[in-house]
N, C-alpha and C. Protein backbone atom coordinates (compact mmCIF):
# COMPACT_ATOMS: atom_id res chain seq x y z
N UNK A 1 -42.00 76.06 44.63
CA UNK A 1 -41.81 76.75 46.04
C UNK A 1 -40.40 77.45 46.15
N UNK A 2 -40.02 77.88 45.32
CA UNK A 2 -39.06 78.43 45.33
C UNK A 2 -39.60 80.49 45.63
N UNK A 3 -40.62 80.53 45.48
CA UNK A 3 -41.19 82.09 45.29
C UNK A 3 -41.65 82.28 46.70
N UNK A 4 -41.91 81.18 47.56
CA UNK A 4 -42.28 81.40 49.08
C UNK A 4 -41.02 81.05 49.99
N UNK A 5 -40.13 80.25 49.44
CA UNK A 5 -39.43 80.06 50.62
C UNK A 5 -37.74 80.20 49.69
N UNK A 6 -37.48 81.31 50.17
CA UNK A 6 -36.26 81.63 49.70
C UNK A 6 -34.86 81.65 50.13
N UNK A 7 -34.24 81.23 49.28
CA UNK A 7 -32.56 80.99 49.46
C UNK A 7 -31.76 82.27 50.28
N UNK A 8 -30.93 82.32 51.10
CA UNK A 8 -29.97 83.31 51.49
C UNK A 8 -28.97 83.48 50.22
N UNK A 9 -28.84 84.57 50.18
CA UNK A 9 -27.61 84.56 49.20
C UNK A 9 -26.74 85.87 49.77
N UNK A 10 -26.11 86.08 50.78
CA UNK A 10 -25.20 86.58 51.44
C UNK A 10 -24.32 85.62 52.43
N UNK A 11 -23.11 85.80 52.36
CA UNK A 11 -22.42 84.86 53.53
C UNK A 11 -22.50 85.23 54.89
N UNK A 12 -23.54 86.10 55.18
CA UNK A 12 -23.34 86.52 56.68
C UNK A 12 -24.47 85.71 57.16
N UNK A 13 -25.40 84.84 57.07
CA UNK A 13 -26.25 83.95 57.40
C UNK A 13 -25.59 82.60 57.69
N UNK A 14 -25.33 82.42 59.13
CA UNK A 14 -24.59 80.93 59.42
C UNK A 14 -25.58 80.12 59.66
N UNK A 15 -27.00 80.37 60.34
CA UNK A 15 -27.93 79.80 60.13
C UNK A 15 -28.33 78.92 58.66
N UNK A 16 -28.14 79.80 57.46
CA UNK A 16 -28.82 78.90 56.29
C UNK A 16 -27.62 78.92 54.95
N UNK A 17 -26.65 79.23 55.26
CA UNK A 17 -25.36 79.24 54.96
C UNK A 17 -24.34 78.34 55.55
N UNK A 18 -24.15 77.19 55.35
CA UNK A 18 -23.03 76.26 56.09
C UNK A 18 -21.87 76.33 55.08
N UNK A 19 -20.80 76.74 55.42
CA UNK A 19 -19.25 76.38 54.47
C UNK A 19 -18.37 75.53 54.98
N UNK A 20 -18.23 74.36 54.60
CA UNK A 20 -16.92 73.27 55.04
C UNK A 20 -15.67 73.65 54.05
N UNK A 21 -14.99 72.96 54.41
CA UNK A 21 -13.86 73.11 53.57
C UNK A 21 -13.89 72.98 52.17
N UNK A 22 -14.82 71.82 51.69
CA UNK A 22 -14.98 71.59 50.40
C UNK A 22 -16.66 71.10 49.75
N UNK A 23 -17.81 72.18 50.71
CA UNK A 23 -18.85 71.56 50.74
C UNK A 23 -19.58 72.95 51.14
N UNK A 24 -20.99 73.20 50.29
CA UNK A 24 -21.66 74.02 50.88
C UNK A 24 -23.29 73.90 50.66
N UNK A 25 -23.89 74.28 52.40
CA UNK A 25 -25.26 74.11 52.14
C UNK A 25 -26.06 75.11 52.26
N UNK A 26 -26.63 75.05 51.58
CA UNK A 26 -27.64 76.57 51.45
C UNK A 26 -29.05 76.24 52.20
N UNK A 27 -29.70 76.69 53.20
CA UNK A 27 -31.10 76.04 53.64
C UNK A 27 -32.33 77.24 53.29
N UNK A 28 -32.75 76.85 52.71
CA UNK A 28 -34.36 77.99 52.83
C UNK A 28 -34.99 78.41 53.67
N UNK A 29 -35.07 79.57 53.79
CA UNK A 29 -35.37 80.42 54.84
C UNK A 29 -37.33 79.89 54.84
N UNK A 30 -37.56 80.16 56.35
CA UNK A 30 -39.27 79.77 56.14
C UNK A 30 -40.18 80.59 55.85
N UNK A 31 -41.16 80.51 56.34
CA UNK A 31 -42.16 81.59 55.68
C UNK A 31 -42.73 82.88 56.94
N UNK A 32 -42.51 83.90 56.01
CA UNK A 32 -42.82 85.56 57.12
C UNK A 32 -43.69 84.87 58.07
N UNK A 33 -43.39 85.92 59.11
CA UNK A 33 -44.07 85.75 60.34
C UNK A 33 -45.81 85.92 60.20
N UNK A 34 -46.12 86.81 58.86
CA UNK A 34 -47.53 87.09 58.81
C UNK A 34 -48.35 85.53 58.16
N UNK A 35 -47.29 84.88 57.95
CA UNK A 35 -48.12 83.56 57.46
C UNK A 35 -48.43 82.19 58.75
N UNK A 36 -47.93 82.66 60.00
CA UNK A 36 -47.96 82.04 61.16
C UNK A 36 -49.44 82.97 61.66
N UNK A 37 -49.33 84.25 61.30
CA UNK A 37 -51.00 84.32 61.98
C UNK A 37 -52.01 83.97 61.42
N UNK A 38 -51.93 83.66 60.04
CA UNK A 38 -52.99 83.03 58.97
C UNK A 38 -52.90 81.64 59.19
N UNK A 39 -51.43 80.53 59.64
CA UNK A 39 -52.19 79.39 60.64
C UNK A 39 -53.18 79.31 61.44
N UNK A 40 -52.75 80.53 62.92
CA UNK A 40 -53.38 80.52 63.85
C UNK A 40 -55.34 80.63 63.45
N UNK A 41 -55.27 81.60 62.41
CA UNK A 41 -56.90 81.82 61.86
C UNK A 41 -57.19 80.58 61.23
N UNK A 42 -56.57 80.07 60.68
CA UNK A 42 -56.92 78.75 60.03
C UNK A 42 -57.66 77.39 61.11
N UNK A 43 -56.64 77.42 61.47
CA UNK A 43 -56.40 76.38 62.56
C UNK A 43 -57.90 76.54 63.83
N UNK A 44 -57.68 77.83 64.09
CA UNK A 44 -59.41 78.36 64.54
C UNK A 44 -60.26 77.83 64.08
N UNK A 45 -60.52 78.33 63.30
CA UNK A 45 -61.57 78.17 62.07
C UNK A 45 -61.87 76.83 62.18
N UNK A 46 -60.46 75.51 61.90
CA UNK A 46 -60.64 74.61 61.78
C UNK A 46 -61.50 73.86 62.97
N UNK A 47 -60.99 74.77 63.95
CA UNK A 47 -61.22 74.04 65.54
C UNK A 47 -62.78 74.02 65.54
N UNK A 48 -63.60 75.53 65.44
CA UNK A 48 -64.96 75.08 64.70
C UNK A 48 -65.46 74.11 64.55
N UNK A 49 -65.08 73.90 63.34
CA UNK A 49 -65.44 72.81 62.32
C UNK A 49 -65.46 71.81 62.96
N UNK A 50 -64.28 71.11 63.61
CA UNK A 50 -64.07 69.98 64.39
C UNK A 50 -65.13 70.00 65.39
N UNK A 51 -65.30 71.12 66.21
CA UNK A 51 -66.53 70.70 67.41
C UNK A 51 -67.75 70.43 66.67
N UNK A 52 -68.23 71.24 65.49
CA UNK A 52 -69.54 71.28 64.85
C UNK A 52 -69.46 69.56 64.33
N UNK A 53 -68.81 69.09 63.85
CA UNK A 53 -68.62 67.64 63.10
C UNK A 53 -68.76 66.36 63.88
N UNK A 54 -67.91 67.01 65.24
CA UNK A 54 -67.28 65.81 65.98
C UNK A 54 -68.19 64.68 66.03
N UNK A 55 -69.64 65.01 67.13
CA UNK A 55 -70.75 64.47 67.48
C UNK A 55 -71.43 63.77 66.63
N UNK A 56 -71.76 64.65 65.39
CA UNK A 56 -72.53 64.12 64.42
C UNK A 56 -71.95 62.65 63.81
N UNK A 57 -70.36 62.57 63.66
CA UNK A 57 -69.55 61.47 62.98
C UNK A 57 -69.58 60.16 63.95
N UNK A 58 -69.42 60.79 65.64
CA UNK A 58 -69.53 59.44 66.35
C UNK A 58 -71.02 58.95 66.40
N UNK A 59 -72.22 59.91 66.16
CA UNK A 59 -73.56 58.75 65.86
C UNK A 59 -73.18 58.42 64.58
N UNK A 60 -72.81 58.79 63.37
CA UNK A 60 -73.20 58.14 62.36
C UNK A 60 -72.39 56.87 62.80
N UNK A 61 -71.20 56.77 63.40
CA UNK A 61 -70.21 55.41 63.36
C UNK A 61 -71.51 54.46 64.29
N UNK A 62 -71.81 54.99 65.24
CA UNK A 62 -72.69 53.94 65.86
C UNK A 62 -73.88 53.32 65.49
N UNK A 63 -74.63 54.30 65.02
CA UNK A 63 -76.05 53.68 64.52
C UNK A 63 -76.02 53.43 62.75
N UNK A 64 -74.95 53.84 62.28
CA UNK A 64 -75.09 54.14 60.84
C UNK A 64 -74.62 52.80 60.32
N UNK A 65 -74.94 52.98 58.56
CA UNK A 65 -74.90 51.56 58.13
C UNK A 65 -74.05 51.99 56.74
N UNK A 66 -73.35 51.21 56.11
CA UNK A 66 -72.62 50.72 54.95
C UNK A 66 -71.81 52.42 54.67
N UNK A 67 -72.68 53.03 53.71
CA UNK A 67 -71.58 54.77 53.13
C UNK A 67 -71.93 55.46 54.25
N UNK A 68 -72.82 55.36 55.97
CA UNK A 68 -72.89 56.47 56.77
C UNK A 68 -71.35 56.50 57.63
N UNK A 69 -71.19 54.90 57.22
CA UNK A 69 -69.68 54.77 58.51
C UNK A 69 -68.47 55.33 57.22
N UNK A 70 -68.25 54.90 55.86
CA UNK A 70 -67.57 55.38 55.32
C UNK A 70 -67.47 57.52 55.34
N UNK A 71 -68.51 57.61 54.93
CA UNK A 71 -68.41 59.22 55.27
C UNK A 71 -68.00 59.48 56.72
N UNK A 72 -68.34 58.60 58.00
CA UNK A 72 -67.78 59.24 58.91
C UNK A 72 -66.66 59.02 59.37
N UNK A 73 -65.80 58.06 58.99
CA UNK A 73 -64.33 58.04 58.98
C UNK A 73 -63.52 58.18 58.08
N UNK A 74 -64.34 58.95 56.73
CA UNK A 74 -63.53 59.88 56.11
C UNK A 74 -63.24 61.32 56.75
N UNK A 75 -64.18 61.58 57.39
CA UNK A 75 -64.32 63.23 58.24
C UNK A 75 -63.36 62.86 59.08
N UNK A 76 -63.31 61.86 60.06
CA UNK A 76 -62.55 61.70 61.22
C UNK A 76 -61.19 61.95 60.80
N UNK A 77 -60.70 61.16 59.43
CA UNK A 77 -59.34 61.13 58.59
C UNK A 77 -58.84 62.72 58.41
N UNK A 78 -59.60 63.55 57.99
CA UNK A 78 -59.70 64.69 57.84
C UNK A 78 -59.71 65.70 58.73
N UNK A 79 -60.47 65.04 59.90
CA UNK A 79 -59.96 65.93 61.20
C UNK A 79 -58.50 65.98 61.61
N UNK A 80 -58.16 64.28 61.64
CA UNK A 80 -56.37 64.45 62.04
C UNK A 80 -55.50 64.54 61.12
N UNK A 81 -56.25 64.71 59.45
CA UNK A 81 -54.70 64.96 59.01
C UNK A 81 -54.91 65.88 58.47
N UNK A 82 -55.76 66.78 58.04
CA UNK A 82 -55.89 68.26 57.31
C UNK A 82 -55.22 69.32 58.36
N UNK A 83 -54.56 69.26 59.47
CA UNK A 83 -54.06 70.26 60.30
C UNK A 83 -52.64 69.74 60.20
N UNK A 84 -52.32 68.41 60.27
CA UNK A 84 -50.99 67.95 59.95
C UNK A 84 -49.97 68.49 58.83
N UNK A 85 -51.21 68.25 57.55
CA UNK A 85 -50.54 68.67 56.27
C UNK A 85 -50.81 69.91 56.10
N UNK A 86 -51.44 71.00 56.89
CA UNK A 86 -51.26 72.46 56.67
C UNK A 86 -49.96 72.87 57.68
N UNK A 87 -49.60 72.09 59.05
CA UNK A 87 -48.61 72.68 59.38
C UNK A 87 -47.15 72.06 59.10
N UNK A 88 -47.30 71.15 58.16
CA UNK A 88 -46.33 70.54 57.81
C UNK A 88 -45.73 71.49 56.68
N UNK A 89 -46.69 72.33 55.67
CA UNK A 89 -45.99 73.44 55.08
C UNK A 89 -45.40 74.81 55.67
N UNK A 90 -45.70 74.83 56.78
CA UNK A 90 -44.95 75.63 57.44
C UNK A 90 -43.70 75.15 58.13
N UNK A 91 -43.33 73.69 58.10
CA UNK A 91 -41.85 73.27 58.45
C UNK A 91 -41.19 72.73 57.69
N UNK A 92 -41.64 72.86 56.57
CA UNK A 92 -40.89 72.89 54.84
C UNK A 92 -39.86 73.28 54.94
N UNK A 93 -38.39 72.69 54.38
CA UNK A 93 -36.99 73.19 54.27
C UNK A 93 -36.73 72.49 52.84
N UNK A 94 -36.38 73.74 52.05
CA UNK A 94 -35.42 72.79 51.15
C UNK A 94 -33.89 73.46 51.37
N UNK A 95 -32.69 72.28 50.75
CA UNK A 95 -31.58 72.50 51.23
C UNK A 95 -30.93 72.22 49.78
N UNK A 96 -29.84 73.10 49.59
CA UNK A 96 -28.91 72.51 48.38
C UNK A 96 -27.81 72.21 49.20
N UNK A 97 -26.82 71.13 48.66
CA UNK A 97 -25.91 70.85 49.09
C UNK A 97 -24.88 70.35 48.50
N UNK A 98 -23.82 71.02 47.91
CA UNK A 98 -22.81 71.14 46.77
C UNK A 98 -21.17 70.78 47.10
N UNK A 99 -20.94 69.72 46.27
CA UNK A 99 -19.49 69.35 46.90
C UNK A 99 -18.97 69.85 45.87
N UNK A 100 -17.66 68.69 45.22
CA UNK A 100 -17.02 69.48 44.26
C UNK A 100 -17.55 68.51 42.77
N UNK A 101 -17.96 67.48 43.00
CA UNK A 101 -18.69 66.96 42.17
C UNK A 101 -20.12 66.44 42.22
N UNK A 102 -20.98 66.85 43.01
CA UNK A 102 -22.13 66.01 43.75
C UNK A 102 -23.01 67.68 44.03
N UNK A 103 -24.05 67.52 43.28
CA UNK A 103 -25.16 68.23 43.76
C UNK A 103 -26.50 67.74 44.26
N UNK A 104 -26.95 68.25 46.09
CA UNK A 104 -28.04 66.94 46.48
C UNK A 104 -29.17 68.27 46.81
N UNK A 105 -30.07 68.01 45.91
CA UNK A 105 -31.58 68.70 46.53
C UNK A 105 -32.02 67.63 47.37
N UNK A 106 -32.35 68.54 48.96
CA UNK A 106 -32.82 67.91 49.91
C UNK A 106 -34.34 68.73 50.31
N UNK A 107 -35.26 67.93 50.03
CA UNK A 107 -36.77 68.76 50.55
C UNK A 107 -36.83 67.97 52.28
N UNK A 108 -36.78 68.59 52.88
CA UNK A 108 -37.63 68.26 54.41
C UNK A 108 -39.02 68.63 54.77
N UNK A 109 -39.69 67.74 55.65
CA UNK A 109 -40.97 68.24 56.47
C UNK A 109 -40.78 67.85 57.91
N UNK A 110 -40.57 68.78 58.64
CA UNK A 110 -40.50 68.43 60.28
C UNK A 110 -38.95 68.08 60.47
N UNK A 111 -38.47 69.03 59.81
CA UNK A 111 -36.85 68.60 59.48
C UNK A 111 -36.38 67.01 59.19
N UNK A 112 -37.49 66.19 58.57
CA UNK A 112 -36.95 65.00 58.24
C UNK A 112 -36.86 64.84 56.58
N UNK A 113 -35.72 64.50 56.59
CA UNK A 113 -36.01 64.39 54.70
C UNK A 113 -36.77 63.41 53.86
N UNK A 114 -37.36 64.08 53.26
CA UNK A 114 -38.70 63.26 52.86
C UNK A 114 -38.56 62.65 51.17
N UNK A 115 -37.44 63.65 50.59
CA UNK A 115 -37.27 63.61 49.09
C UNK A 115 -35.71 63.90 48.91
N UNK A 116 -34.76 63.22 48.40
CA UNK A 116 -33.21 63.55 48.12
C UNK A 116 -32.91 63.27 46.27
N UNK A 117 -32.68 64.18 45.99
CA UNK A 117 -32.21 64.15 44.49
C UNK A 117 -30.76 65.03 44.57
N UNK A 118 -29.76 63.23 43.91
CA UNK A 118 -28.69 63.47 43.53
C UNK A 118 -28.12 63.84 42.35
N UNK A 119 -27.28 64.47 42.12
CA UNK A 119 -26.65 64.50 40.57
C UNK A 119 -25.50 64.69 40.58
N UNK A 120 -24.48 63.85 40.02
CA UNK A 120 -22.93 63.85 39.56
C UNK A 120 -23.01 65.28 38.67
N UNK A 121 -21.94 66.35 39.33
CA UNK A 121 -21.54 67.01 38.11
C UNK A 121 -20.22 66.62 37.22
N UNK A 122 -20.18 67.37 35.79
CA UNK A 122 -19.67 66.51 35.05
C UNK A 122 -18.96 68.35 34.66
N UNK A 123 -17.73 68.15 33.54
CA UNK A 123 -17.03 69.21 33.43
C UNK A 123 -17.93 70.37 32.45
N UNK A 124 -18.92 69.76 31.95
CA UNK A 124 -19.57 70.74 30.82
C UNK A 124 -21.10 70.94 31.32
N UNK A 125 -20.88 70.82 32.42
CA UNK A 125 -22.42 70.99 33.28
C UNK A 125 -22.32 72.49 33.54
N UNK A 126 -23.41 73.09 33.80
CA UNK A 126 -23.59 74.31 33.95
C UNK A 126 -24.23 75.00 34.78
N UNK A 127 -24.68 75.90 35.43
CA UNK A 127 -26.12 76.58 36.05
C UNK A 127 -26.27 77.77 35.46
N UNK A 128 -27.18 77.99 35.31
CA UNK A 128 -27.81 79.22 34.01
C UNK A 128 -29.42 79.84 34.72
N UNK A 129 -29.28 80.59 34.79
CA UNK A 129 -30.69 81.58 35.00
C UNK A 129 -31.53 82.09 33.85
N UNK A 130 -32.72 81.59 33.89
CA UNK A 130 -33.35 81.70 32.71
C UNK A 130 -34.53 82.34 32.72
N UNK A 131 -35.66 83.40 32.20
CA UNK A 131 -36.45 83.97 32.34
C UNK A 131 -37.85 83.08 31.71
N UNK A 132 -38.88 83.07 32.61
CA UNK A 132 -39.90 82.04 32.66
C UNK A 132 -40.96 82.75 32.18
N UNK A 133 -41.93 82.86 31.17
CA UNK A 133 -43.27 83.04 31.29
C UNK A 133 -44.17 82.12 30.92
N UNK A 134 -45.15 81.52 31.87
CA UNK A 134 -45.75 80.46 31.04
C UNK A 134 -46.98 81.41 30.36
N UNK A 135 -47.39 81.97 30.53
CA UNK A 135 -48.85 82.54 29.60
C UNK A 135 -48.53 83.72 30.01
N UNK A 136 -48.65 84.87 28.84
CA UNK A 136 -48.52 86.46 29.06
C UNK A 136 -50.09 86.86 28.70
N UNK A 137 -50.24 87.66 29.47
CA UNK A 137 -52.08 88.07 29.55
C UNK A 137 -52.31 89.07 29.05
N UNK A 138 -53.43 90.07 28.59
CA UNK A 138 -53.69 90.82 27.84
C UNK A 138 -52.89 91.99 28.21
N UNK A 139 -52.67 91.90 29.11
CA UNK A 139 -51.69 93.64 29.83
C UNK A 139 -50.63 94.00 29.16
N UNK A 140 -49.92 92.72 28.81
CA UNK A 140 -48.33 92.24 28.53
C UNK A 140 -48.66 92.37 26.67
N UNK A 141 -49.71 91.55 26.33
CA UNK A 141 -49.72 91.33 24.85
C UNK A 141 -50.17 93.26 24.32
N UNK A 142 -51.03 93.84 24.96
CA UNK A 142 -51.14 94.95 24.37
C UNK A 142 -50.08 96.38 24.27
N UNK A 143 -49.51 96.03 25.84
CA UNK A 143 -48.17 96.81 26.47
C UNK A 143 -48.36 97.85 26.03
N UNK A 144 -49.54 98.76 27.09
CA UNK A 144 -49.69 100.21 27.27
C UNK A 144 -49.40 100.60 28.48
N UNK A 145 -48.91 101.61 28.44
CA UNK A 145 -48.31 102.71 29.75
C UNK A 145 -49.19 101.95 30.78
N UNK A 146 -50.37 102.69 30.96
CA UNK A 146 -51.44 102.47 31.66
C UNK A 146 -51.86 101.02 32.31
N UNK A 147 -51.46 100.16 31.68
CA UNK A 147 -51.65 98.67 32.15
C UNK A 147 -50.51 97.68 32.69
N UNK A 148 -49.50 98.70 32.71
CA UNK A 148 -47.88 97.85 33.03
C UNK A 148 -47.91 97.40 34.11
N UNK A 149 -48.70 97.72 35.13
CA UNK A 149 -48.94 97.24 36.72
C UNK A 149 -49.57 95.76 36.71
N UNK A 150 -50.01 95.41 35.23
CA UNK A 150 -50.99 94.32 35.34
C UNK A 150 -50.26 93.26 34.43
N UNK A 151 -49.19 93.25 34.23
CA UNK A 151 -48.22 92.64 33.10
C UNK A 151 -48.11 91.60 33.76
N UNK A 152 -48.28 90.27 33.38
CA UNK A 152 -47.31 88.85 33.55
C UNK A 152 -45.78 89.20 33.45
N UNK A 153 -45.15 89.32 34.78
CA UNK A 153 -43.82 89.22 34.28
C UNK A 153 -43.37 87.75 34.54
N UNK A 154 -43.82 87.03 34.99
CA UNK A 154 -42.88 85.31 35.16
C UNK A 154 -41.93 85.72 35.98
N UNK A 155 -41.18 84.81 35.88
CA UNK A 155 -40.10 84.55 37.23
C UNK A 155 -39.02 84.00 36.79
N UNK A 156 -38.05 83.92 37.21
CA UNK A 156 -36.89 83.67 36.34
C UNK A 156 -36.64 82.00 37.24
N UNK A 157 -35.74 81.11 36.65
CA UNK A 157 -35.22 79.49 37.13
C UNK A 157 -33.79 79.81 37.15
N UNK A 158 -33.71 78.99 38.05
CA UNK A 158 -31.63 78.13 38.50
C UNK A 158 -31.95 77.13 37.63
N UNK A 159 -31.36 77.09 36.74
CA UNK A 159 -31.35 75.20 36.71
C UNK A 159 -29.95 75.07 36.04
N UNK A 160 -29.98 73.16 36.40
CA UNK A 160 -28.66 73.08 36.05
C UNK A 160 -28.70 72.04 34.78
N UNK A 161 -27.85 72.50 33.82
CA UNK A 161 -27.68 72.07 32.28
C UNK A 161 -26.81 70.86 32.45
N UNK A 162 -26.99 69.67 32.41
CA UNK A 162 -26.66 68.87 31.74
C UNK A 162 -26.78 68.27 30.54
N UNK A 163 -25.59 68.39 29.41
CA UNK A 163 -25.97 68.05 28.07
C UNK A 163 -27.19 68.14 27.66
N UNK A 164 -28.27 67.06 27.43
CA UNK A 164 -29.41 67.12 27.10
C UNK A 164 -30.34 67.34 28.35
N UNK A 165 -30.37 66.89 29.79
CA UNK A 165 -30.47 67.29 30.95
C UNK A 165 -31.22 68.68 31.45
N UNK A 166 -32.32 68.86 31.70
CA UNK A 166 -32.06 70.21 32.81
C UNK A 166 -32.65 69.85 33.46
N UNK A 167 -31.93 70.62 35.01
CA UNK A 167 -32.49 69.97 36.14
C UNK A 167 -32.78 71.28 36.83
N UNK A 168 -34.29 71.40 37.31
CA UNK A 168 -34.72 72.71 38.36
C UNK A 168 -34.20 72.79 39.69
N UNK A 169 -33.49 73.70 39.60
CA UNK A 169 -33.13 73.92 41.11
C UNK A 169 -33.93 74.89 42.15
N UNK A 170 -34.07 76.52 41.68
CA UNK A 170 -34.57 77.18 42.18
C UNK A 170 -35.63 77.95 41.42
N UNK A 171 -36.64 79.31 41.91
CA UNK A 171 -36.91 80.33 41.23
C UNK A 171 -37.30 81.09 42.02
N UNK A 172 -37.36 82.34 41.38
CA UNK A 172 -37.23 83.70 42.49
C UNK A 172 -38.21 84.69 41.16
N UNK A 173 -38.53 85.56 41.97
CA UNK A 173 -39.08 86.93 40.78
C UNK A 173 -38.18 87.87 40.92
N UNK A 174 -36.97 87.86 41.43
CA UNK A 174 -35.78 88.73 41.10
C UNK A 174 -34.43 88.21 40.56
N UNK A 175 -34.19 88.42 39.57
CA UNK A 175 -33.07 87.78 38.88
C UNK A 175 -31.80 87.79 39.71
N UNK A 176 -31.52 89.02 40.44
CA UNK A 176 -30.17 88.98 40.79
C UNK A 176 -30.07 88.35 42.11
N UNK A 177 -31.41 87.79 42.64
CA UNK A 177 -31.34 86.35 44.05
C UNK A 177 -30.62 85.48 43.18
N UNK A 178 -30.91 85.03 42.07
CA UNK A 178 -30.73 84.19 41.62
C UNK A 178 -29.07 84.16 41.33
N UNK A 179 -29.12 85.43 40.43
CA UNK A 179 -27.59 85.00 39.98
C UNK A 179 -26.62 84.98 41.15
N UNK A 180 -26.84 85.23 42.97
CA UNK A 180 -25.69 85.33 43.40
C UNK A 180 -26.08 83.68 44.30
N UNK A 181 -27.06 83.73 44.07
CA UNK A 181 -27.10 81.82 44.17
C UNK A 181 -26.54 81.32 43.36
N UNK A 182 -26.11 81.16 42.05
CA UNK A 182 -25.54 80.90 40.91
C UNK A 182 -24.15 80.86 41.19
N UNK A 183 -23.44 81.97 41.28
CA UNK A 183 -22.21 82.69 41.82
C UNK A 183 -21.97 81.53 43.34
N UNK A 184 -22.83 81.50 43.96
CA UNK A 184 -22.33 80.77 45.24
C UNK A 184 -21.93 79.16 44.47
N UNK A 185 -22.79 78.59 44.08
CA UNK A 185 -22.95 77.13 43.50
C UNK A 185 -21.63 76.85 42.86
N UNK A 186 -21.69 78.14 41.79
CA UNK A 186 -20.62 77.68 40.78
C UNK A 186 -18.92 77.63 41.57
N UNK A 187 -18.80 78.31 42.61
CA UNK A 187 -17.67 78.63 43.51
C UNK A 187 -17.41 77.16 43.85
N UNK A 188 -18.31 76.31 44.20
CA UNK A 188 -17.92 75.34 44.95
C UNK A 188 -18.40 74.38 43.93
N UNK A 189 -18.61 74.30 42.71
CA UNK A 189 -18.46 73.15 41.51
C UNK A 189 -17.56 73.09 40.56
N UNK A 190 -16.25 72.89 41.72
CA UNK A 190 -15.11 72.77 41.18
C UNK A 190 -15.09 71.23 40.50
N UNK A 191 -15.37 70.79 39.23
CA UNK A 191 -15.35 69.64 38.66
C UNK A 191 -13.75 69.20 38.24
């Protein structure tokens, strides 16, 4: 999710970087405004779907038997659950909280924490930024100048390295952004 939900890297954003005496909290940014227009378009189209499916589903519940009732209930569940899940992506937030010896990665949906991972930091632990390419495409393999724009360049990952364990923290297409986040985390990870 790091390619869409970005973390702040400058200290001048008090809404997304909260610094206290012995801890740092980084809150990811929300989706850009263009995505909210996409949401309105998707929900508009989905509302037309609901209008066309509602009456047939109600009839299937009244006169149907067996599989018809299962199909009708699954359609009604889809009608109510799909918009909530879709809107949940727009109210997703990832938080990184670091104190002297503890890193917490908190995933929130609708401002409620739904997944929290805590890691105890030791002296030999380190934050590292690595380049990751899952599969080079033909443009990268041939390495022709005309195909340069079509190359799979991959992205960079910020990882906490604990002895043999590697903890994924964030990813970004820009190396310098992750280096800035790494510096922020390193400044508060004084074990």
